[in-house]
Amino acid sequence: MNNAETINKFKKHINPESELVIGEDIFVFPPLLYEDLPDFYKFATLWIESADEVHMPKEELDKLSDKKKLEIIQKQAKKLYEMLSPDNVKLITGLCLKTMKLAYPDMDNNILKSFVANNFITMIAKLIEVNMPQDEIKR
């Protein structure tokens, strides 16, 4: 096997970069590097556990009384608020900033920081999509 074939074999098993769409604009959204994986998995675990605790399919939610729906929605909002503690926001925005620096290495750092500060909630799902092993996402 020649070097190009070997490289292609490896690349086939690397998550591809994705596109982050905000309004009419499309941004490149690459996976993080190896050294960022511990922080990413800390974030992913936190996010998945939070979602699992409060997730209820819409069909089930629609069957509940208005009072019960309100209780569920309040619980979901509280869990999201807990997940977005200052330390967790720092972790998430740090990962988003690293991602944007990978995609746009020549961009002014202050512009990237402002972009992340204004869009990190939108970036969360994309962060998981491009960094989780594809077989994990399919489960």
C-alpha atoms as a PDB file:
ATOM      1  CA  MET A   1       0.000   0.000   0.000  1.00  0.00           C
ATOM      2  CA  ASN A   2       1.485   3.371  -0.966  1.00  0.00           C
ATOM      3  CA  ASN A   3       1.600   6.442   1.274  1.00  0.00           C
ATOM      4  CA  ALA A   4      -1.397   8.159  -0.365  1.00  0.00           C
ATOM      5  CA  GLU A   5      -3.559   5.050   0.113  1.00  0.00           C
ATOM      6  CA  THR A   6      -2.523   4.825   3.752  1.00  0.00           C
ATOM      7  CA  ILE A   7      -3.312   8.500   4.345  1.00  0.00           C
ATOM      8  CA  ASN A   8      -6.710   8.111   2.663  1.00  0.00           C
ATOM      9  CA  LYS A   9      -7.462   5.080   4.819  1.00  0.00           C
ATOM     10  CA  PHE A  10      -6.875   7.180   7.948  1.00  0.00           C
ATOM     11  CA  LYS A  11      -8.817  10.187   6.625  1.00  0.00           C
ATOM     12  CA  LYS A  12     -11.813   7.971   5.926  1.00  0.00           C
ATOM     13  CA  HIS A  13     -12.186   7.485   9.684  1.00  0.00           C
ATOM     14  CA  ILE A  14     -11.869  11.129  10.731  1.00  0.00           C
ATOM     15  CA  ASN A  15     -15.071  13.092  11.223  1.00  0.00           C
ATOM     16  CA  PRO A  16     -15.378  15.580   8.370  1.00  0.00           C
ATOM     17  CA  GLU A  17     -15.730  19.256   9.022  1.00  0.00           C
ATOM     18  CA  SER A  18     -19.257  20.493   8.849  1.00  0.00           C
ATOM     19  CA  GLU A  19     -21.057  23.709   8.054  1.00  0.00           C
ATOM     20  CA  LEU A  20     -22.505  25.976  10.689  1.00  0.00           C
ATOM     21  CA  VAL A  21     -25.405  27.932   9.233  1.00  0.00           C
ATOM     22  CA  ILE A  22     -26.410  31.162  10.940  1.00  0.00           C
ATOM     23  CA  GLY A  23     -29.025  33.102   9.044  1.00  0.00           C
ATOM     24  CA  GLU A  24     -27.895  33.143   5.429  1.00  0.00           C
ATOM     25  CA  ASP A  25     -24.208  32.748   6.311  1.00  0.00           C
ATOM     26  CA  ILE A  26     -22.280  29.479   6.248  1.00  0.00           C
ATOM     27  CA  PHE A  27     -19.196  28.930   8.403  1.00  0.00           C
ATOM     28  CA  VAL A  28     -16.707  26.057   8.347  1.00  0.00           C
ATOM     29  CA  PHE A  29     -16.921  23.988  11.539  1.00  0.00           C
ATOM     30  CA  PRO A  30     -14.037  21.483  11.859  1.00  0.00           C
ATOM     31  CA  PRO A  31     -13.542  18.845  14.544  1.00  0.00           C
ATOM     32  CA  LEU A  32     -11.317  19.696  17.500  1.00  0.00           C
ATOM     33  CA  LEU A  33      -7.782  18.432  17.840  1.00  0.00           C
ATOM     34  CA  TYR A  34      -6.617  15.518  19.961  1.00  0.00           C
ATOM     35  CA  GLU A  35      -5.511  17.690  22.896  1.00  0.00           C
ATOM     36  CA  ASP A  36      -9.010  19.180  23.212  1.00  0.00           C
ATOM     37  CA  LEU A  37     -10.824  15.853  23.545  1.00  0.00           C
ATOM     38  CA  PRO A  38     -10.783  15.678  27.376  1.00  0.00           C
ATOM     39  CA  ASP A  39     -12.557  19.038  27.585  1.00  0.00           C
ATOM     40  CA  PHE A  40     -14.916  18.058  24.784  1.00  0.00           C
ATOM     41  CA  TYR A  41     -15.945  14.830  26.525  1.00  0.00           C
ATOM     42  CA  LYS A  42     -16.443  16.691  29.792  1.00  0.00           C
ATOM     43  CA  PHE A  43     -18.809  19.008  27.927  1.00  0.00           C
ATOM     44  CA  ALA A  44     -20.523  16.199  25.966  1.00  0.00           C
ATOM     45  CA  THR A  45     -21.148  14.137  29.102  1.00  0.00           C
ATOM     46  CA  LEU A  46     -22.627  17.138  30.861  1.00  0.00           C
ATOM     47  CA  TRP A  47     -24.819  18.006  27.887  1.00  0.00           C
ATOM     48  CA  ILE A  48     -26.083  14.460  27.299  1.00  0.00           C
ATOM     49  CA  GLU A  49     -26.822  13.854  30.995  1.00  0.00           C
ATOM     50  CA  SER A  50     -28.713  17.147  31.200  1.00  0.00           C
ATOM     51  CA  ALA A  51     -30.740  16.350  28.103  1.00  0.00           C
ATOM     52  CA  ASP A  52     -31.538  12.804  29.267  1.00  0.00           C
ATOM     53  CA  GLU A  53     -32.839  14.016  32.626  1.00  0.00           C
ATOM     54  CA  VAL A  54     -35.428  16.382  31.194  1.00  0.00           C
ATOM     55  CA  HIS A  55     -36.179  15.140  27.681  1.00  0.00           C
ATOM     56  CA  MET A  56     -39.748  14.179  26.963  1.00  0.00           C
ATOM     57  CA  PRO A  57     -41.028  13.439  23.473  1.00  0.00           C
ATOM     58  CA  LYS A  58     -43.440  16.091  22.175  1.00  0.00           C
ATOM     59  CA  GLU A  59     -46.188  13.474  21.754  1.00  0.00           C
ATOM     60  CA  GLU A  60     -46.006  12.631  25.477  1.00  0.00           C
ATOM     61  CA  LEU A  61     -45.791  16.283  26.492  1.00  0.00           C
ATOM     62  CA  ASP A  62     -48.903  17.081  24.418  1.00  0.00           C
ATOM     63  CA  LYS A  63     -50.920  14.499  26.407  1.00  0.00           C
ATOM     64  CA  LEU A  64     -50.270  16.261  29.732  1.00  0.00           C
ATOM     65  CA  SER A  65     -52.387  18.889  31.427  1.00  0.00           C
ATOM     66  CA  ASP A  66     -51.280  22.504  31.094  1.00  0.00           C
ATOM     67  CA  LYS A  67     -50.145  22.511  34.736  1.00  0.00           C
ATOM     68  CA  LYS A  68     -48.008  19.383  34.256  1.00  0.00           C
ATOM     69  CA  LYS A  69     -46.581  20.757  30.976  1.00  0.00           C
ATOM     70  CA  LEU A  70     -45.575  23.932  32.789  1.00  0.00           C
ATOM     71  CA  GLU A  71     -43.869  21.884  35.517  1.00  0.00           C
ATOM     72  CA  ILE A  72     -41.914  19.905  32.906  1.00  0.00           C
ATOM     73  CA  ILE A  73     -40.927  23.040  30.964  1.00  0.00           C
ATOM     74  CA  GLN A  74     -39.800  24.726  34.196  1.00  0.00           C
ATOM     75  CA  LYS A  75     -37.738  21.658  35.091  1.00  0.00           C
ATOM     76  CA  GLN A  76     -36.162  21.687  31.620  1.00  0.00           C
ATOM     77  CA  ALA A  77     -35.350  25.404  31.907  1.00  0.00           C
ATOM     78  CA  LYS A  78     -33.851  24.895  35.380  1.00  0.00           C
ATOM     79  CA  LYS A  79     -31.684  22.013  34.146  1.00  0.00           C
ATOM     80  CA  LEU A  80     -30.491  24.062  31.184  1.00  0.00           C
ATOM     81  CA  TYR A  81     -29.686  26.961  33.505  1.00  0.00           C
ATOM     82  CA  GLU A  82     -27.728  24.610  35.799  1.00  0.00           C
ATOM     83  CA  MET A  83     -25.862  23.211  32.812  1.00  0.00           C
ATOM     84  CA  LEU A  84     -24.953  26.740  31.754  1.00  0.00           C
ATOM     85  CA  SER A  85     -23.156  27.614  34.963  1.00  0.00           C
ATOM     86  CA  PRO A  86     -20.255  30.083  34.581  1.00  0.00           C
ATOM     87  CA  ASP A  87     -17.687  27.253  34.572  1.00  0.00           C
ATOM     88  CA  ASN A  88     -19.611  25.285  31.953  1.00  0.00           C
ATOM     89  CA  VAL A  89     -20.145  28.339  29.760  1.00  0.00           C
ATOM     90  CA  LYS A  90     -16.394  28.968  29.940  1.00  0.00           C
ATOM     91  CA  LEU A  91     -15.752  25.350  28.892  1.00  0.00           C
ATOM     92  CA  ILE A  92     -18.271  25.475  26.019  1.00  0.00           C
ATOM     93  CA  THR A  93     -17.193  28.881  24.699  1.00  0.00           C
ATOM     94  CA  GLY A  94     -13.538  27.825  24.963  1.00  0.00           C
ATOM     95  CA  LEU A  95     -14.215  24.778  22.790  1.00  0.00           C
ATOM     96  CA  CYS A  96     -16.208  26.878  20.313  1.00  0.00           C
ATOM     97  CA  LEU A  97     -13.385  29.433  20.129  1.00  0.00           C
ATOM     98  CA  LYS A  98     -10.789  26.696  19.514  1.00  0.00           C
ATOM     99  CA  THR A  99     -13.006  25.331  16.738  1.00  0.00           C
ATOM    100  CA  MET A 100     -13.324  28.730  15.072  1.00  0.00           C
ATOM    101  CA  LYS A 101      -9.551  29.323  15.362  1.00  0.00           C
ATOM    102  CA  LEU A 102      -8.978  26.009  13.577  1.00  0.00           C
ATOM    103  CA  ALA A 103     -11.348  27.046  10.807  1.00  0.00           C
ATOM    104  CA  TYR A 104     -10.170  30.657  10.567  1.00  0.00           C
ATOM    105  CA  PRO A 105      -6.572  30.830  11.830  1.00  0.00           C
ATOM    106  CA  ASP A 106      -5.907  34.256  10.284  1.00  0.00           C
ATOM    107  CA  MET A 107      -9.056  35.890  11.681  1.00  0.00           C
ATOM    108  CA  ASP A 108      -8.624  38.545  14.359  1.00  0.00           C
ATOM    109  CA  ASN A 109      -8.977  36.874  17.780  1.00  0.00           C
ATOM    110  CA  ASN A 110     -11.335  39.558  19.097  1.00  0.00           C
ATOM    111  CA  ILE A 111     -13.687  39.033  16.172  1.00  0.00           C
ATOM    112  CA  LEU A 112     -13.721  35.279  16.834  1.00  0.00           C
ATOM    113  CA  LYS A 113     -14.351  35.863  20.551  1.00  0.00           C
ATOM    114  CA  SER A 114     -17.255  38.176  19.774  1.00  0.00           C
ATOM    115  CA  PHE A 115     -18.648  35.696  17.255  1.00  0.00           C
ATOM    116  CA  VAL A 116     -18.528  32.881  19.817  1.00  0.00           C
ATOM    117  CA  ALA A 117     -20.027  35.070  22.559  1.00  0.00           C
ATOM    118  CA  ASN A 118     -22.979  35.851  20.302  1.00  0.00           C
ATOM    119  CA  ASN A 119     -23.496  32.381  18.817  1.00  0.00           C
ATOM    120  CA  PHE A 120     -22.307  29.708  21.255  1.00  0.00           C
ATOM    121  CA  ILE A 121     -25.822  28.371  21.945  1.00  0.00           C
ATOM    122  CA  THR A 122     -26.257  27.794  18.195  1.00  0.00           C
ATOM    123  CA  MET A 123     -22.822  26.153  18.069  1.00  0.00           C
ATOM    124  CA  ILE A 124     -23.470  23.532  20.794  1.00  0.00           C
ATOM    125  CA  ALA A 125     -25.219  20.907  18.623  1.00  0.00           C
ATOM    126  CA  LYS A 126     -22.661  21.348  15.843  1.00  0.00           C
ATOM    127  CA  LEU A 127     -19.838  20.924  18.384  1.00  0.00           C
ATOM    128  CA  ILE A 128     -21.247  17.526  19.342  1.00  0.00           C
ATOM    129  CA  GLU A 129     -21.968  16.538  15.733  1.00  0.00           C
ATOM    130  CA  VAL A 130     -18.439  17.098  14.433  1.00  0.00           C
ATOM    131  CA  ASN A 131     -16.575  15.728  17.455  1.00  0.00           C
ATOM    132  CA  MET A 132     -18.483  12.597  18.481  1.00  0.00           C
ATOM    133  CA  PRO A 133     -17.455   9.382  16.776  1.00  0.00           C
ATOM    134  CA  GLN A 134     -20.047   8.759  14.078  1.00  0.00           C
ATOM    135  CA  ASP A 135     -20.980   5.339  15.465  1.00  0.00           C
ATOM    136  CA  GLU A 136     -21.786   6.990  18.831  1.00  0.00           C
ATOM    137  CA  ILE A 137     -24.137   9.505  17.189  1.00  0.00           C
ATOM    138  CA  LYS A 138     -26.028   6.745  15.373  1.00  0.00           C
ATOM    139  CA  ARG A 139     -26.879   4.893  18.608  1.00  0.00           C
END
